[in-house]
């Protein structure tokens, strides 16, 4: 279902991708942009649209970071809401919708939704989507009604056990998502406990290999509000996508 990834090219040979011209990360490692994947100019058949920038760390002060790579993904708010919704739906349906595998109606819906968002943003549409606006919206509404998308997406949510107030000194959050129990469990670690955090992450990751309902991530964020804002899919939050879809679906 997915298109082959666009060929990565050295950015010195062509302009930077759409929306990335002014993006330069500030870091003492002096990262150098080495590769660029533009999925906005060439969307995937699943509907995925984003710009991926690959940086190489260059730091004489910290040679251990030398030549390490870091990928930055840039999306508009609507593109991010779409990507979050695909992950959330995949969690709850136990299907790799993100990878283009699963229920064909849901895959078609997300491809059409991405095409409608691209039309709204005056950007390149998704391969296989109807060319005209009327035809695209008609098919989008038909599939969405058949799947009862708004009701389903509004009902997707994890029941997080994370407290409303941050734990003092927390730098790392180990999040475990169990779609079978509809729960998010968490463990907080300080910066000094980075080694312990990594060890715990690897241990839970081993458990998840035999449990398709369990997913685990180790992330850092400046407080719980920032954590929820930066990683909405980790909490099953598809509210942003529902808000984007309602006007398109006539709701």
C-alpha atoms as a PDB file:
ATOM      1  CA  UNK A   1       0.000   0.000   0.000  1.00  0.00           C
ATOM      2  CA  UNK A   2       2.906   2.375   0.559  1.00  0.00           C
ATOM      3  CA  UNK A   3       5.015   4.052  -2.082  1.00  0.00           C
ATOM      4  CA  UNK A   4       8.781   3.532  -2.076  1.00  0.00           C
ATOM      5  CA  UNK A   5      10.460   6.239  -0.050  1.00  0.00           C
ATOM      6  CA  UNK A   6      11.622   9.216  -2.129  1.00  0.00           C
ATOM      7  CA  UNK A   7      15.320   9.029  -2.870  1.00  0.00           C
ATOM      8  CA  UNK A   8      17.341  10.816  -0.215  1.00  0.00           C
ATOM      9  CA  UNK A   9      19.526  13.547  -1.668  1.00  0.00           C
ATOM     10  CA  UNK A  10      22.245  15.838  -0.394  1.00  0.00           C
ATOM     11  CA  UNK A  11      20.519  19.151   0.251  1.00  0.00           C
ATOM     12  CA  UNK A  12      23.433  21.151  -1.161  1.00  0.00           C
ATOM     13  CA  UNK A  13      22.273  19.985  -4.603  1.00  0.00           C
ATOM     14  CA  UNK A  14      18.679  21.174  -4.296  1.00  0.00           C
ATOM     15  CA  UNK A  15      16.516  23.558  -2.232  1.00  0.00           C
ATOM     16  CA  UNK A  16      15.260  22.448   1.148  1.00  0.00           C
ATOM     17  CA  UNK A  17      11.839  20.833   1.325  1.00  0.00           C
ATOM     18  CA  UNK A  18       8.609  22.751   1.663  1.00  0.00           C
ATOM     19  CA  UNK A  19       8.203  24.333   5.090  1.00  0.00           C
ATOM     20  CA  UNK A  20      11.770  23.560   6.181  1.00  0.00           C
ATOM     21  CA  UNK A  21      13.652  26.545   4.781  1.00  0.00           C
ATOM     22  CA  UNK A  22      13.865  28.410   8.071  1.00  0.00           C
ATOM     23  CA  UNK A  23      14.347  25.381  10.324  1.00  0.00           C
ATOM     24  CA  UNK A  24      17.773  25.179  11.948  1.00  0.00           C
ATOM     25  CA  UNK A  25      18.135  23.322  15.256  1.00  0.00           C
ATOM     26  CA  UNK A  26      20.169  25.095  17.920  1.00  0.00           C
ATOM     27  CA  UNK A  27      22.661  22.766  19.497  1.00  0.00           C
ATOM     28  CA  UNK A  28      26.208  22.720  20.782  1.00  0.00           C
ATOM     29  CA  UNK A  29      26.779  19.690  18.527  1.00  0.00           C
ATOM     30  CA  UNK A  30      26.541  21.889  15.379  1.00  0.00           C
ATOM     31  CA  UNK A  31      24.392  19.442  13.392  1.00  0.00           C
ATOM     32  CA  UNK A  32      24.847  19.300   9.635  1.00  0.00           C
ATOM     33  CA  UNK A  33      21.874  18.579   7.384  1.00  0.00           C
ATOM     34  CA  UNK A  34      22.854  15.608   5.233  1.00  0.00           C
ATOM     35  CA  UNK A  35      19.640  14.098   3.863  1.00  0.00           C
ATOM     36  CA  UNK A  36      16.080  15.098   3.201  1.00  0.00           C
ATOM     37  CA  UNK A  37      12.908  13.113   2.493  1.00  0.00           C
ATOM     38  CA  UNK A  38       9.986  15.197   1.207  1.00  0.00           C
ATOM     39  CA  UNK A  39       6.730  13.278   1.652  1.00  0.00           C
ATOM     40  CA  UNK A  40       4.733  16.486   1.131  1.00  0.00           C
ATOM     41  CA  UNK A  41       5.964  16.915  -2.427  1.00  0.00           C
ATOM     42  CA  UNK A  42       5.590  13.136  -2.927  1.00  0.00           C
ATOM     43  CA  UNK A  43       2.941  11.807  -0.475  1.00  0.00           C
ATOM     44  CA  UNK A  44       2.785   8.110   0.284  1.00  0.00           C
ATOM     45  CA  UNK A  45      -0.212   6.102  -0.912  1.00  0.00           C
ATOM     46  CA  UNK A  46      -1.282   5.650   2.732  1.00  0.00           C
ATOM     47  CA  UNK A  47      -1.696   9.422   2.950  1.00  0.00           C
ATOM     48  CA  UNK A  48       1.425  10.069   5.043  1.00  0.00           C
ATOM     49  CA  UNK A  49       2.769  13.591   4.466  1.00  0.00           C
ATOM     50  CA  UNK A  50       5.747  15.133   6.228  1.00  0.00           C
ATOM     51  CA  UNK A  51       9.270  16.403   5.690  1.00  0.00           C
ATOM     52  CA  UNK A  52      12.047  14.327   7.256  1.00  0.00           C
ATOM     53  CA  UNK A  53      15.414  15.995   7.780  1.00  0.00           C
ATOM     54  CA  UNK A  54      18.436  13.899   8.765  1.00  0.00           C
ATOM     55  CA  UNK A  55      21.205  15.661  10.655  1.00  0.00           C
ATOM     56  CA  UNK A  56      24.725  14.546  11.444  1.00  0.00           C
ATOM     57  CA  UNK A  57      26.224  15.726  14.730  1.00  0.00           C
ATOM     58  CA  UNK A  58      29.567  17.507  14.481  1.00  0.00           C
ATOM     59  CA  UNK A  59      31.177  18.300  17.829  1.00  0.00           C
ATOM     60  CA  UNK A  60      34.874  18.683  18.519  1.00  0.00           C
ATOM     61  CA  UNK A  61      34.058  19.232  22.209  1.00  0.00           C
ATOM     62  CA  UNK A  62      32.188  15.929  22.423  1.00  0.00           C
ATOM     63  CA  UNK A  63      33.788  13.423  20.024  1.00  0.00           C
ATOM     64  CA  UNK A  64      31.467  10.632  21.217  1.00  0.00           C
ATOM     65  CA  UNK A  65      28.634  12.381  19.364  1.00  0.00           C
ATOM     66  CA  UNK A  66      30.627  12.721  16.142  1.00  0.00           C
ATOM     67  CA  UNK A  67      28.837  11.323  13.053  1.00  0.00           C
ATOM     68  CA  UNK A  68      25.719  10.330  15.002  1.00  0.00           C
ATOM     69  CA  UNK A  69      22.486  10.840  13.033  1.00  0.00           C
ATOM     70  CA  UNK A  70      19.244  12.412  14.203  1.00  0.00           C
ATOM     71  CA  UNK A  71      16.011  12.645  12.192  1.00  0.00           C
ATOM     72  CA  UNK A  72      13.632  15.594  12.564  1.00  0.00           C
ATOM     73  CA  UNK A  73      10.069  15.320  11.223  1.00  0.00           C
ATOM     74  CA  UNK A  74       8.216  18.496  10.226  1.00  0.00           C
ATOM     75  CA  UNK A  75       4.446  18.570   9.731  1.00  0.00           C
ATOM     76  CA  UNK A  76       1.612  21.094   9.720  1.00  0.00           C
ATOM     77  CA  UNK A  77      -0.873  20.807  12.621  1.00  0.00           C
ATOM     78  CA  UNK A  78      -3.399  19.053  10.343  1.00  0.00           C
ATOM     79  CA  UNK A  79      -0.762  16.643   9.035  1.00  0.00           C
ATOM     80  CA  UNK A  80       0.249  15.850  12.609  1.00  0.00           C
ATOM     81  CA  UNK A  81      -3.381  15.309  13.643  1.00  0.00           C
ATOM     82  CA  UNK A  82      -3.748  12.855  10.742  1.00  0.00           C
ATOM     83  CA  UNK A  83      -0.562  10.962  11.653  1.00  0.00           C
ATOM     84  CA  UNK A  84      -1.652  10.768  15.292  1.00  0.00           C
ATOM     85  CA  UNK A  85      -5.097   9.423  14.324  1.00  0.00           C
ATOM     86  CA  UNK A  86      -3.580   6.677  12.175  1.00  0.00           C
ATOM     87  CA  UNK A  87      -1.421   5.517  15.084  1.00  0.00           C
ATOM     88  CA  UNK A  88      -4.319   5.683  17.547  1.00  0.00           C
ATOM     89  CA  UNK A  89      -6.651   3.713  15.263  1.00  0.00           C
ATOM     90  CA  UNK A  90      -3.885   1.182  14.680  1.00  0.00           C
ATOM     91  CA  UNK A  91      -3.394   0.749  18.445  1.00  0.00           C
ATOM     92  CA  UNK A  92      -7.046   0.039  19.120  1.00  0.00           C
ATOM     93  CA  UNK A  93      -7.624  -2.158  16.093  1.00  0.00           C
ATOM     94  CA  UNK A  94      -4.328  -4.039  16.475  1.00  0.00           C
ATOM     95  CA  UNK A  95      -3.531  -3.372  12.839  1.00  0.00           C
ATOM     96  CA  UNK A  96      -0.496  -1.765  11.208  1.00  0.00           C
ATOM     97  CA  UNK A  97      -2.526   0.973   9.516  1.00  0.00           C
ATOM     98  CA  UNK A  98       0.548   3.212   9.671  1.00  0.00           C
ATOM     99  CA  UNK A  99       2.387   0.660   7.520  1.00  0.00           C
ATOM    100  CA  UNK A 100      -0.508   0.297   5.079  1.00  0.00           C
ATOM    101  CA  UNK A 101      -1.644  -3.076   6.465  1.00  0.00           C
ATOM    102  CA  UNK A 102      -5.125  -3.760   7.800  1.00  0.00           C
ATOM    103  CA  UNK A 103      -8.784  -3.111   7.093  1.00  0.00           C
ATOM    104  CA  UNK A 104      -9.074  -1.791   3.543  1.00  0.00           C
ATOM    105  CA  UNK A 105     -11.929   0.597   4.349  1.00  0.00           C
ATOM    106  CA  UNK A 106      -9.964   2.249   7.146  1.00  0.00           C
ATOM    107  CA  UNK A 107      -6.879   2.477   4.957  1.00  0.00           C
ATOM    108  CA  UNK A 108      -8.964   4.069   2.211  1.00  0.00           C
ATOM    109  CA  UNK A 109     -10.520   6.502   4.663  1.00  0.00           C
ATOM    110  CA  UNK A 110      -7.154   7.742   5.919  1.00  0.00           C
ATOM    111  CA  UNK A 111      -5.821   8.087   2.359  1.00  0.00           C
ATOM    112  CA  UNK A 112      -8.877  10.141   1.383  1.00  0.00           C
ATOM    113  CA  UNK A 113      -8.662  12.212   4.575  1.00  0.00           C
ATOM    114  CA  UNK A 114      -5.027  13.020   3.796  1.00  0.00           C
ATOM    115  CA  UNK A 115      -6.040  13.976   0.262  1.00  0.00           C
ATOM    116  CA  UNK A 116      -8.700  16.340   1.626  1.00  0.00           C
ATOM    117  CA  UNK A 117      -6.189  17.926   4.017  1.00  0.00           C
ATOM    118  CA  UNK A 118      -3.697  18.313   1.157  1.00  0.00           C
ATOM    119  CA  UNK A 119      -6.404  20.029  -0.894  1.00  0.00           C
ATOM    120  CA  UNK A 120      -7.094  22.366   2.016  1.00  0.00           C
ATOM    121  CA  UNK A 121      -3.372  23.176   2.215  1.00  0.00           C
ATOM    122  CA  UNK A 122      -3.037  23.640  -1.574  1.00  0.00           C
ATOM    123  CA  UNK A 123      -0.480  20.821  -1.606  1.00  0.00           C
ATOM    124  CA  UNK A 124       0.105  17.718  -3.728  1.00  0.00           C
ATOM    125  CA  UNK A 125      -2.612  15.123  -3.247  1.00  0.00           C
ATOM    126  CA  UNK A 126      -2.295  11.481  -2.316  1.00  0.00           C
ATOM    127  CA  UNK A 127      -1.744   8.852  -5.031  1.00  0.00           C
ATOM    128  CA  UNK A 128      -5.005   7.110  -5.876  1.00  0.00           C
ATOM    129  CA  UNK A 129      -7.261   9.829  -4.442  1.00  0.00           C
ATOM    130  CA  UNK A 130      -9.947  11.345  -6.732  1.00  0.00           C
ATOM    131  CA  UNK A 131      -8.592  14.327  -8.640  1.00  0.00           C
ATOM    132  CA  UNK A 132     -11.547  16.643  -8.260  1.00  0.00           C
ATOM    133  CA  UNK A 133     -12.586  18.188  -4.936  1.00  0.00           C
ATOM    134  CA  UNK A 134     -16.231  17.140  -5.237  1.00  0.00           C
ATOM    135  CA  UNK A 135     -15.405  13.515  -6.061  1.00  0.00           C
ATOM    136  CA  UNK A 136     -12.841  13.321  -3.244  1.00  0.00           C
ATOM    137  CA  UNK A 137     -15.173  14.770  -0.605  1.00  0.00           C
ATOM    138  CA  UNK A 138     -18.087  12.597  -1.783  1.00  0.00           C
ATOM    139  CA  UNK A 139     -16.052   9.394  -1.439  1.00  0.00           C
ATOM    140  CA  UNK A 140     -14.542  10.561   1.872  1.00  0.00           C
ATOM    141  CA  UNK A 141     -17.992  11.188   3.337  1.00  0.00           C
ATOM    142  CA  UNK A 142     -19.303   7.874   2.009  1.00  0.00           C
ATOM    143  CA  UNK A 143     -16.477   5.834   3.585  1.00  0.00           C
ATOM    144  CA  UNK A 144     -16.574   7.864   6.814  1.00  0.00           C
ATOM    145  CA  UNK A 145     -20.314   7.290   7.170  1.00  0.00           C
ATOM    146  CA  UNK A 146     -19.951   3.576   6.506  1.00  0.00           C
ATOM    147  CA  UNK A 147     -17.263   3.287   9.205  1.00  0.00           C
ATOM    148  CA  UNK A 148     -18.980   5.718  11.591  1.00  0.00           C
ATOM    149  CA  UNK A 149     -15.613   7.436  11.834  1.00  0.00           C
ATOM    150  CA  UNK A 150     -16.468  10.402  14.058  1.00  0.00           C
ATOM    151  CA  UNK A 151     -18.074   8.227  16.721  1.00  0.00           C
ATOM    152  CA  UNK A 152     -15.240   5.691  16.639  1.00  0.00           C
ATOM    153  CA  UNK A 153     -12.425   8.230  16.645  1.00  0.00           C
ATOM    154  CA  UNK A 154     -14.117  10.214  19.425  1.00  0.00           C
ATOM    155  CA  UNK A 155     -14.294   7.042  21.502  1.00  0.00           C
ATOM    156  CA  UNK A 156     -10.637   6.069  21.091  1.00  0.00           C
ATOM    157  CA  UNK A 157      -8.732   6.919  24.253  1.00  0.00           C
ATOM    158  CA  UNK A 158      -6.342   5.391  26.724  1.00  0.00           C
ATOM    159  CA  UNK A 159      -6.952   5.673  30.443  1.00  0.00           C
ATOM    160  CA  UNK A 160      -3.625   7.167  31.563  1.00  0.00           C
ATOM    161  CA  UNK A 161      -2.381   6.611  35.095  1.00  0.00           C
ATOM    162  CA  UNK A 162      -0.030   9.593  34.791  1.00  0.00           C
ATOM    163  CA  UNK A 163      -0.720  12.181  37.532  1.00  0.00           C
ATOM    164  CA  UNK A 164      -1.863  15.697  36.673  1.00  0.00           C
ATOM    165  CA  UNK A 165       1.153  17.194  38.418  1.00  0.00           C
ATOM    166  CA  UNK A 166       4.712  16.460  37.335  1.00  0.00           C
ATOM    167  CA  UNK A 167       7.053  14.454  39.531  1.00  0.00           C
ATOM    168  CA  UNK A 168       9.909  16.807  40.597  1.00  0.00           C
ATOM    169  CA  UNK A 169      13.191  16.084  38.823  1.00  0.00           C
ATOM    170  CA  UNK A 170      11.659  13.857  36.138  1.00  0.00           C
ATOM    171  CA  UNK A 171      13.592  13.797  32.868  1.00  0.00           C
ATOM    172  CA  UNK A 172      12.533  10.460  31.312  1.00  0.00           C
ATOM    173  CA  UNK A 173       9.100   8.861  31.075  1.00  0.00           C
ATOM    174  CA  UNK A 174       8.824   5.149  30.347  1.00  0.00           C
ATOM    175  CA  UNK A 175       5.323   4.684  28.885  1.00  0.00           C
ATOM    176  CA  UNK A 176       3.713   1.296  28.397  1.00  0.00           C
ATOM    177  CA  UNK A 177       0.542   1.114  26.279  1.00  0.00           C
ATOM    178  CA  UNK A 178      -1.729  -1.860  26.689  1.00  0.00           C
ATOM    179  CA  UNK A 179      -4.547  -1.734  24.126  1.00  0.00           C
ATOM    180  CA  UNK A 180      -6.124  -4.850  25.630  1.00  0.00           C
ATOM    181  CA  UNK A 181      -6.521  -3.186  29.056  1.00  0.00           C
ATOM    182  CA  UNK A 182      -6.979   0.284  27.491  1.00  0.00           C
ATOM    183  CA  UNK A 183      -4.331   1.629  29.866  1.00  0.00           C
ATOM    184  CA  UNK A 184      -1.099   3.629  29.850  1.00  0.00           C
ATOM    185  CA  UNK A 185       1.327   2.772  32.656  1.00  0.00           C
ATOM    186  CA  UNK A 186       4.311   4.977  33.379  1.00  0.00           C
ATOM    187  CA  UNK A 187       7.571   5.180  35.296  1.00  0.00           C
ATOM    188  CA  UNK A 188       9.496   8.423  35.883  1.00  0.00           C
ATOM    189  CA  UNK A 189      13.302   8.698  35.918  1.00  0.00           C
ATOM    190  CA  UNK A 190      15.680  11.581  36.593  1.00  0.00           C
ATOM    191  CA  UNK A 191      18.540  12.500  34.285  1.00  0.00           C
ATOM    192  CA  UNK A 192      20.960  10.758  36.652  1.00  0.00           C
ATOM    193  CA  UNK A 193      18.889   7.588  36.241  1.00  0.00           C
ATOM    194  CA  UNK A 194      19.301   7.476  32.455  1.00  0.00           C
ATOM    195  CA  UNK A 195      21.108   4.122  32.569  1.00  0.00           C
ATOM    196  CA  UNK A 196      18.326   2.587  34.667  1.00  0.00           C
ATOM    197  CA  UNK A 197      15.692   4.055  32.334  1.00  0.00           C
ATOM    198  CA  UNK A 198      17.325   2.510  29.284  1.00  0.00           C
ATOM    199  CA  UNK A 199      17.658  -0.865  30.998  1.00  0.00           C
ATOM    200  CA  UNK A 200      13.987  -0.832  32.005  1.00  0.00           C
ATOM    201  CA  UNK A 201      12.973   0.143  28.473  1.00  0.00           C
ATOM    202  CA  UNK A 202      14.904  -2.762  26.947  1.00  0.00           C
ATOM    203  CA  UNK A 203      13.363  -5.190  29.425  1.00  0.00           C
ATOM    204  CA  UNK A 204       9.778  -4.123  28.654  1.00  0.00           C
ATOM    205  CA  UNK A 205      10.547  -4.048  24.929  1.00  0.00           C
ATOM    206  CA  UNK A 206      11.513  -7.737  25.129  1.00  0.00           C
ATOM    207  CA  UNK A 207       8.139  -8.487  26.738  1.00  0.00           C
ATOM    208  CA  UNK A 208       6.309  -6.606  23.970  1.00  0.00           C
ATOM    209  CA  UNK A 209       7.747  -8.912  21.286  1.00  0.00           C
ATOM    210  CA  UNK A 210       5.355 -11.676  22.370  1.00  0.00           C
ATOM    211  CA  UNK A 211       2.503  -9.319  23.241  1.00  0.00           C
ATOM    212  CA  UNK A 212       1.037  -7.436  20.241  1.00  0.00           C
ATOM    213  CA  UNK A 213      -1.191  -5.418  22.598  1.00  0.00           C
ATOM    214  CA  UNK A 214       1.803  -3.920  24.398  1.00  0.00           C
ATOM    215  CA  UNK A 215       3.839  -1.002  23.080  1.00  0.00           C
ATOM    216  CA  UNK A 216       6.580   0.809  24.941  1.00  0.00           C
ATOM    217  CA  UNK A 217       8.480   4.084  24.491  1.00  0.00           C
ATOM    218  CA  UNK A 218      11.050   6.016  26.488  1.00  0.00           C
ATOM    219  CA  UNK A 219      10.635   9.764  26.001  1.00  0.00           C
ATOM    220  CA  UNK A 220      11.711  13.048  27.510  1.00  0.00           C
ATOM    221  CA  UNK A 221       9.505  16.116  27.861  1.00  0.00           C
ATOM    222  CA  UNK A 222       9.447  19.316  29.903  1.00  0.00           C
ATOM    223  CA  UNK A 223       6.541  18.406  32.156  1.00  0.00           C
ATOM    224  CA  UNK A 224       3.337  16.415  31.722  1.00  0.00           C
ATOM    225  CA  UNK A 225       1.518  19.021  29.666  1.00  0.00           C
ATOM    226  CA  UNK A 226       4.393  19.072  27.177  1.00  0.00           C
ATOM    227  CA  UNK A 227       4.391  15.265  27.157  1.00  0.00           C
ATOM    228  CA  UNK A 228       0.712  15.098  26.226  1.00  0.00           C
ATOM    229  CA  UNK A 229       1.080  17.864  23.628  1.00  0.00           C
ATOM    230  CA  UNK A 230       4.146  16.374  21.956  1.00  0.00           C
ATOM    231  CA  UNK A 231       2.974  12.753  22.003  1.00  0.00           C
ATOM    232  CA  UNK A 232      -0.853  12.734  21.703  1.00  0.00           C
ATOM    233  CA  UNK A 233      -0.904   9.270  20.122  1.00  0.00           C
ATOM    234  CA  UNK A 234       0.627   7.860  23.314  1.00  0.00           C
ATOM    235  CA  UNK A 235      -2.616   8.775  25.091  1.00  0.00           C
ATOM    236  CA  UNK A 236      -4.974   7.737  22.312  1.00  0.00           C
ATOM    237  CA  UNK A 237      -5.838  11.400  21.731  1.00  0.00           C
ATOM    238  CA  UNK A 238      -7.451  11.785  18.306  1.00  0.00           C
ATOM    239  CA  UNK A 239      -9.494  14.874  19.243  1.00  0.00           C
ATOM    240  CA  UNK A 240      -7.403  17.092  16.971  1.00  0.00           C
ATOM    241  CA  UNK A 241      -8.127  14.867  13.987  1.00  0.00           C
ATOM    242  CA  UNK A 242     -11.861  14.830  14.770  1.00  0.00           C
ATOM    243  CA  UNK A 243     -11.849  18.638  14.790  1.00  0.00           C
ATOM    244  CA  UNK A 244     -10.138  18.657  11.373  1.00  0.00           C
ATOM    245  CA  UNK A 245     -12.554  16.099   9.918  1.00  0.00           C
ATOM    246  CA  UNK A 246     -15.901  17.486  11.099  1.00  0.00           C
ATOM    247  CA  UNK A 247     -16.014  20.439   8.653  1.00  0.00           C
ATOM    248  CA  UNK A 248     -14.893  18.183   5.783  1.00  0.00           C
ATOM    249  CA  UNK A 249     -17.551  15.616   6.625  1.00  0.00           C
ATOM    250  CA  UNK A 250     -20.253  18.217   7.035  1.00  0.00           C
ATOM    251  CA  UNK A 251     -20.474  17.726  10.791  1.00  0.00           C
END
